Amino acid sequence: VANATITAAAEAIRKDNAKVALTGYTDKTGDVAANEKLAKDRAMAVRDALKTAGIAESGIELRPPVFVEVGAGGPNQEARRVEINKL
């Protein structure tokens, strides 16, 4: 699923000749510094995958991590994602 998503994103970026911003998300449970690093690492992994798919690094901006509140059930998919937004 992840490879198909990256491939589709790269195709859309190329088609529009777009620049994009990547934002990694995490939750606030546990160590804040570790969570921030995890969110940054997620965004960098997506950046690297986009580069491998042929997108120039100059067209990719990394944004600061975003912390989300999670329900009583603990971490969820809302907190474990990277968003790709067109600039």
N, C-alpha and C. Protein backbone atom coordinates (compact mmCIF):
# COMPACT_ATOMS: atom_id res chain seq x y z
N VAL A 1 0.83 -1.20 0.00
CA VAL A 1 0.00 0.00 0.00
C VAL A 1 0.87 1.26 0.00
N ALA A 2 1.92 1.28 0.82
CA ALA A 2 2.76 2.46 0.91
C ALA A 2 3.44 2.76 -0.42
N ASN A 3 3.96 1.73 -1.09
CA ASN A 3 4.62 1.96 -2.38
C ASN A 3 3.66 2.50 -3.42
N ALA A 4 2.44 1.98 -3.44
CA ALA A 4 1.44 2.47 -4.39
C ALA A 4 1.09 3.92 -4.09
N THR A 5 1.01 4.27 -2.82
CA THR A 5 0.69 5.64 -2.43
C THR A 5 1.81 6.59 -2.84
N ILE A 6 3.05 6.20 -2.60
CA ILE A 6 4.19 7.04 -2.99
C ILE A 6 4.24 7.19 -4.50
N THR A 7 4.03 6.10 -5.23
CA THR A 7 4.04 6.16 -6.69
C THR A 7 2.97 7.11 -7.21
N ALA A 8 1.76 7.01 -6.65
CA ALA A 8 0.68 7.89 -7.08
C ALA A 8 0.98 9.35 -6.73
N ALA A 9 1.54 9.58 -5.55
CA ALA A 9 1.88 10.94 -5.15
C ALA A 9 2.96 11.51 -6.07
N ALA A 10 3.98 10.71 -6.37
CA ALA A 10 5.06 11.17 -7.25
C ALA A 10 4.52 11.50 -8.64
N GLU A 11 3.62 10.67 -9.14
CA GLU A 11 3.03 10.93 -10.46
C GLU A 11 2.25 12.24 -10.46
N ALA A 12 1.48 12.48 -9.41
CA ALA A 12 0.70 13.72 -9.31
C ALA A 12 1.62 14.93 -9.19
N ILE A 13 2.69 14.80 -8.43
CA ILE A 13 3.64 15.90 -8.27
C ILE A 13 4.29 16.23 -9.61
N ARG A 14 4.72 15.21 -10.33
CA ARG A 14 5.33 15.42 -11.65
C ARG A 14 4.34 16.03 -12.64
N LYS A 15 3.12 15.50 -12.64
CA LYS A 15 2.09 15.97 -13.57
C LYS A 15 1.84 17.46 -13.39
N ASP A 16 1.76 17.89 -12.13
CA ASP A 16 1.49 19.30 -11.83
C ASP A 16 2.76 20.14 -11.74
N ASN A 17 3.93 19.48 -11.88
CA ASN A 17 5.20 20.17 -11.69
C ASN A 17 5.17 20.95 -10.37
N ALA A 18 4.68 20.26 -9.34
CA ALA A 18 4.41 20.91 -8.06
C ALA A 18 5.59 20.79 -7.10
N LYS A 19 5.59 21.70 -6.15
CA LYS A 19 6.45 21.58 -4.98
C LYS A 19 5.52 21.17 -3.85
N VAL A 20 6.06 20.38 -2.91
CA VAL A 20 5.22 19.86 -1.84
C VAL A 20 5.86 20.07 -0.48
N ALA A 21 5.00 20.07 0.53
CA ALA A 21 5.43 20.15 1.92
C ALA A 21 5.02 18.85 2.60
N LEU A 22 5.94 18.29 3.39
CA LEU A 22 5.67 17.07 4.14
C LEU A 22 5.58 17.40 5.63
N THR A 23 4.55 16.89 6.26
CA THR A 23 4.36 17.09 7.69
C THR A 23 4.16 15.75 8.36
N GLY A 24 5.04 15.43 9.31
CA GLY A 24 4.90 14.21 10.09
C GLY A 24 4.06 14.48 11.33
N TYR A 25 3.23 13.51 11.68
CA TYR A 25 2.35 13.64 12.84
C TYR A 25 2.72 12.63 13.91
N THR A 26 2.43 12.96 15.15
CA THR A 26 2.64 12.06 16.27
C THR A 26 1.67 12.41 17.38
N ASP A 27 1.63 11.58 18.40
CA ASP A 27 0.76 11.89 19.54
C ASP A 27 1.60 12.43 20.70
N LYS A 28 0.93 12.77 21.78
CA LYS A 28 1.60 13.37 22.93
C LYS A 28 1.88 12.38 24.04
N THR A 29 1.59 11.09 23.82
CA THR A 29 1.83 10.11 24.87
C THR A 29 3.31 9.75 24.90
N GLY A 30 3.86 9.54 26.07
CA GLY A 30 5.26 9.15 26.19
C GLY A 30 6.19 10.34 26.10
N ASP A 31 7.42 10.06 25.71
CA ASP A 31 8.48 11.05 25.64
C ASP A 31 8.27 11.99 24.44
N VAL A 32 8.15 13.28 24.71
CA VAL A 32 7.86 14.27 23.67
C VAL A 32 8.99 14.33 22.64
N ALA A 33 10.24 14.33 23.10
CA ALA A 33 11.37 14.41 22.18
C ALA A 33 11.42 13.18 21.27
N ALA A 34 11.17 12.01 21.82
CA ALA A 34 11.17 10.78 21.02
C ALA A 34 10.04 10.81 19.99
N ASN A 35 8.88 11.31 20.40
CA ASN A 35 7.75 11.40 19.48
C ASN A 35 8.04 12.39 18.35
N GLU A 36 8.67 13.51 18.70
CA GLU A 36 9.02 14.51 17.68
C GLU A 36 10.00 13.91 16.67
N LYS A 37 11.00 13.17 17.17
CA LYS A 37 11.95 12.51 16.28
C LYS A 37 11.26 11.50 15.39
N LEU A 38 10.32 10.75 15.96
CA LEU A 38 9.58 9.76 15.18
C LEU A 38 8.81 10.43 14.04
N ALA A 39 8.14 11.55 14.35
CA ALA A 39 7.39 12.27 13.32
C ALA A 39 8.33 12.80 12.23
N LYS A 40 9.48 13.34 12.63
CA LYS A 40 10.46 13.83 11.65
C LYS A 40 10.98 12.67 10.80
N ASP A 41 11.27 11.54 11.44
CA ASP A 41 11.77 10.37 10.71
C ASP A 41 10.74 9.88 9.70
N ARG A 42 9.46 9.90 10.07
CA ARG A 42 8.40 9.50 9.13
C ARG A 42 8.42 10.42 7.90
N ALA A 43 8.49 11.72 8.14
CA ALA A 43 8.48 12.68 7.03
C ALA A 43 9.72 12.50 6.16
N MET A 44 10.87 12.26 6.78
CA MET A 44 12.09 12.07 6.00
C MET A 44 12.04 10.77 5.19
N ALA A 45 11.39 9.75 5.72
CA ALA A 45 11.23 8.49 4.98
C ALA A 45 10.37 8.71 3.73
N VAL A 46 9.33 9.52 3.87
CA VAL A 46 8.48 9.83 2.72
C VAL A 46 9.27 10.68 1.72
N ARG A 47 10.04 11.65 2.22
CA ARG A 47 10.88 12.46 1.34
C ARG A 47 11.83 11.57 0.55
N ASP A 48 12.49 10.63 1.23
CA ASP A 48 13.43 9.74 0.57
C ASP A 48 12.74 8.86 -0.46
N ALA A 49 11.54 8.40 -0.15
CA ALA A 49 10.78 7.57 -1.10
C ALA A 49 10.38 8.39 -2.32
N LEU A 50 9.99 9.65 -2.11
CA LEU A 50 9.65 10.51 -3.24
C LEU A 50 10.88 10.78 -4.11
N LYS A 51 12.03 10.98 -3.47
CA LYS A 51 13.26 11.18 -4.22
C LYS A 51 13.58 9.94 -5.05
N THR A 52 13.43 8.77 -4.47
CA THR A 52 13.66 7.52 -5.18
C THR A 52 12.70 7.39 -6.37
N ALA A 53 11.50 7.95 -6.21
CA ALA A 53 10.50 7.91 -7.29
C ALA A 53 10.73 9.00 -8.33
N GLY A 54 11.81 9.78 -8.17
CA GLY A 54 12.16 10.75 -9.19
C GLY A 54 11.81 12.20 -8.91
N ILE A 55 11.37 12.50 -7.69
CA ILE A 55 11.05 13.89 -7.34
C ILE A 55 12.31 14.56 -6.80
N ALA A 56 12.62 15.74 -7.31
CA ALA A 56 13.82 16.46 -6.86
C ALA A 56 13.66 16.92 -5.42
N GLU A 57 14.73 16.78 -4.64
CA GLU A 57 14.69 17.19 -3.24
C GLU A 57 14.37 18.68 -3.11
N SER A 58 14.78 19.48 -4.10
CA SER A 58 14.52 20.92 -4.06
C SER A 58 13.02 21.24 -4.12
N GLY A 59 12.22 20.28 -4.55
CA GLY A 59 10.78 20.49 -4.61
C GLY A 59 10.03 19.95 -3.41
N ILE A 60 10.79 19.54 -2.37
CA ILE A 60 10.18 18.95 -1.17
C ILE A 60 10.60 19.75 0.05
N GLU A 61 9.62 20.24 0.77
CA GLU A 61 9.87 21.01 2.00
C GLU A 61 9.43 20.18 3.19
N LEU A 62 10.28 20.07 4.21
CA LEU A 62 9.90 19.38 5.44
C LEU A 62 9.38 20.41 6.44
N ARG A 63 8.19 20.17 6.93
CA ARG A 63 7.59 21.07 7.92
C ARG A 63 7.77 20.50 9.32
N PRO A 64 7.64 21.34 10.36
CA PRO A 64 7.77 20.84 11.73
C PRO A 64 6.69 19.81 12.04
N PRO A 65 6.99 18.88 12.93
CA PRO A 65 6.01 17.87 13.32
C PRO A 65 4.78 18.49 13.98
N VAL A 66 3.68 17.79 13.86
CA VAL A 66 2.43 18.22 14.48
C VAL A 66 2.03 17.15 15.49
N PHE A 67 1.69 17.59 16.70
CA PHE A 67 1.23 16.69 17.74
C PHE A 67 -0.29 16.67 17.75
N VAL A 68 -0.89 15.49 17.80
CA VAL A 68 -2.34 15.37 17.83
C VAL A 68 -2.76 14.72 19.14
N GLU A 69 -3.95 15.07 19.58
CA GLU A 69 -4.54 14.44 20.76
C GLU A 69 -5.14 13.12 20.33
N VAL A 70 -4.96 12.12 21.16
CA VAL A 70 -5.55 10.81 20.87
C VAL A 70 -6.52 10.46 21.98
N GLY A 71 -7.45 9.58 21.64
CA GLY A 71 -8.45 9.17 22.62
C GLY A 71 -7.85 8.28 23.70
N ALA A 72 -8.67 7.85 24.60
CA ALA A 72 -8.25 7.03 25.73
C ALA A 72 -7.63 5.71 25.28
N GLY A 73 -7.93 5.30 24.05
CA GLY A 73 -7.40 4.04 23.54
C GLY A 73 -5.93 4.10 23.17
N GLY A 74 -5.31 5.26 23.26
CA GLY A 74 -3.89 5.36 22.95
C GLY A 74 -3.64 5.80 21.51
N PRO A 75 -2.40 5.63 21.05
CA PRO A 75 -2.03 6.09 19.71
C PRO A 75 -2.92 5.48 18.63
N ASN A 76 -3.13 6.23 17.57
CA ASN A 76 -3.95 5.74 16.47
C ASN A 76 -3.39 6.20 15.14
N GLN A 77 -4.05 5.87 14.05
CA GLN A 77 -3.58 6.22 12.72
C GLN A 77 -3.51 7.73 12.51
N GLU A 78 -4.36 8.48 13.18
CA GLU A 78 -4.34 9.94 13.07
C GLU A 78 -2.97 10.48 13.48
N ALA A 79 -2.34 9.82 14.46
CA ALA A 79 -1.05 10.28 14.97
C ALA A 79 0.12 9.61 14.26
N ARG A 80 -0.14 8.69 13.38
CA ARG A 80 0.93 7.95 12.71
C ARG A 80 0.82 8.14 11.20
N ARG A 81 1.08 9.36 10.77
CA ARG A 81 0.93 9.62 9.35
C ARG A 81 1.86 10.76 8.91
N VAL A 82 2.00 10.88 7.61
CA VAL A 82 2.68 12.01 6.99
C VAL A 82 1.73 12.56 5.95
N GLU A 83 1.53 13.85 5.98
CA GLU A 83 0.70 14.50 4.97
C GLU A 83 1.60 15.14 3.92
N ILE A 84 1.17 15.02 2.67
CA ILE A 84 1.84 15.65 1.53
C ILE A 84 0.90 16.73 1.02
N ASN A 85 1.34 17.99 1.11
CA ASN A 85 0.51 19.10 0.64
C ASN A 85 1.23 19.87 -0.44
N LYS A 86 0.49 20.25 -1.47
CA LYS A 86 1.03 21.05 -2.55
C LYS A 86 1.26 22.48 -2.06
N LEU A 87 2.39 23.04 -2.44
CA LEU A 87 2.69 24.43 -2.06
C LEU A 87 2.18 25.39 -3.12
